[in-house]
């Protein structure tokens, strides 16, 4: 399964999945760095099975709907609270 990580997602997650054998690519490793959300959505739906982002724009399925061949995983990462 080809996975595309948005540039707002920590690159360590992409590298971790790659170490497990997943076909994972991070936007920062490509010429797509700095592309708009709409452009990334088009790239993802044409060439990837999963797009992972922490950008709230991708949490709205009306704006960026999944397709029969590509899903979007929006993750909301809450930073740890310092004691």
Protein backbone atom coordinates (compact mmCIF):
# COMPACT_ATOMS: atom_id res chain seq x y z
CA UNK A 1 0.00 0.00 0.00
CA UNK A 2 1.42 3.38 -1.01
CA UNK A 3 1.16 5.97 1.76
CA UNK A 4 1.74 9.71 1.37
CA UNK A 5 2.46 11.79 4.48
CA UNK A 6 1.61 15.48 4.50
CA UNK A 7 4.48 17.82 5.35
CA UNK A 8 2.81 18.74 8.66
CA UNK A 9 3.18 15.14 9.91
CA UNK A 10 6.38 14.31 11.78
CA UNK A 11 8.76 12.58 9.39
CA UNK A 12 9.62 9.97 12.05
CA UNK A 13 6.21 8.33 11.56
CA UNK A 14 6.85 7.93 7.84
CA UNK A 15 10.32 6.52 8.45
CA UNK A 16 8.99 4.13 11.10
CA UNK A 17 6.38 2.67 8.74
CA UNK A 18 8.99 2.46 6.00
CA UNK A 19 11.24 0.46 8.38
CA UNK A 20 8.34 -2.00 8.73
CA UNK A 21 8.21 -2.43 4.96
CA UNK A 22 5.43 0.03 4.09
CA UNK A 23 5.76 2.01 0.87
CA UNK A 24 5.73 5.38 2.64
CA UNK A 25 6.70 8.74 1.17
CA UNK A 26 6.83 12.07 2.99
CA UNK A 27 5.96 15.25 1.07
CA UNK A 28 9.22 16.83 2.34
CA UNK A 29 11.13 14.13 0.44
CA UNK A 30 9.54 15.12 -2.86
CA UNK A 31 9.14 18.08 -5.18
CA UNK A 32 5.60 18.48 -3.75
CA UNK A 33 6.80 20.38 -0.67
CA UNK A 34 4.86 23.64 -0.40
CA UNK A 35 1.99 22.51 -2.65
CA UNK A 36 -1.53 23.57 -1.69
CA UNK A 37 -3.91 21.16 0.00
CA UNK A 38 -5.90 20.88 -3.21
CA UNK A 39 -2.81 19.97 -5.21
CA UNK A 40 -1.71 17.39 -2.63
CA UNK A 41 -5.19 15.90 -2.60
CA UNK A 42 -5.07 15.43 -6.39
CA UNK A 43 -1.60 13.84 -6.20
CA UNK A 44 -2.69 11.52 -3.39
CA UNK A 45 -5.89 10.36 -5.07
CA UNK A 46 -4.06 9.65 -8.34
CA UNK A 47 -1.09 7.71 -6.96
CA UNK A 48 -1.57 6.67 -3.31
CA UNK A 49 -3.84 4.39 -1.30
CA UNK A 50 -3.64 6.50 1.87
CA UNK A 51 -2.93 10.14 2.64
CA UNK A 52 -2.06 10.98 6.26
CA UNK A 53 -2.27 14.55 7.56
CA UNK A 54 -2.61 16.58 10.75
CA UNK A 55 -4.06 19.49 8.75
CA UNK A 56 -7.67 20.07 9.90
CA UNK A 57 -8.61 20.91 6.32
CA UNK A 58 -8.39 17.18 5.56
CA UNK A 59 -10.77 16.29 8.41
CA UNK A 60 -13.71 17.50 6.30
CA UNK A 61 -14.80 14.73 3.91
CA UNK A 62 -16.93 17.22 1.96
CA UNK A 63 -13.84 19.25 1.05
CA UNK A 64 -11.53 16.27 0.43
CA UNK A 65 -13.59 13.11 0.05
CA UNK A 66 -12.00 9.67 0.06
CA UNK A 67 -12.21 7.79 -3.22
CA UNK A 68 -12.68 4.07 -3.97
CA UNK A 69 -8.88 3.77 -4.24
CA UNK A 70 -7.60 6.37 -1.72
CA UNK A 71 -8.43 7.10 1.89
CA UNK A 72 -7.51 10.06 4.08
CA UNK A 73 -6.41 9.62 7.65
CA UNK A 74 -6.59 12.84 9.66
CA UNK A 75 -4.75 12.55 12.96
CA UNK A 76 -5.09 15.07 15.73
CA UNK A 77 -1.92 14.89 17.78
CA UNK A 78 -2.13 16.59 21.14
CA UNK A 79 1.26 17.63 22.49
CA UNK A 80 2.14 16.28 25.92
CA UNK A 81 1.57 18.54 28.90
CA UNK A 82 4.75 19.47 30.72
CA UNK A 83 4.72 18.80 34.43
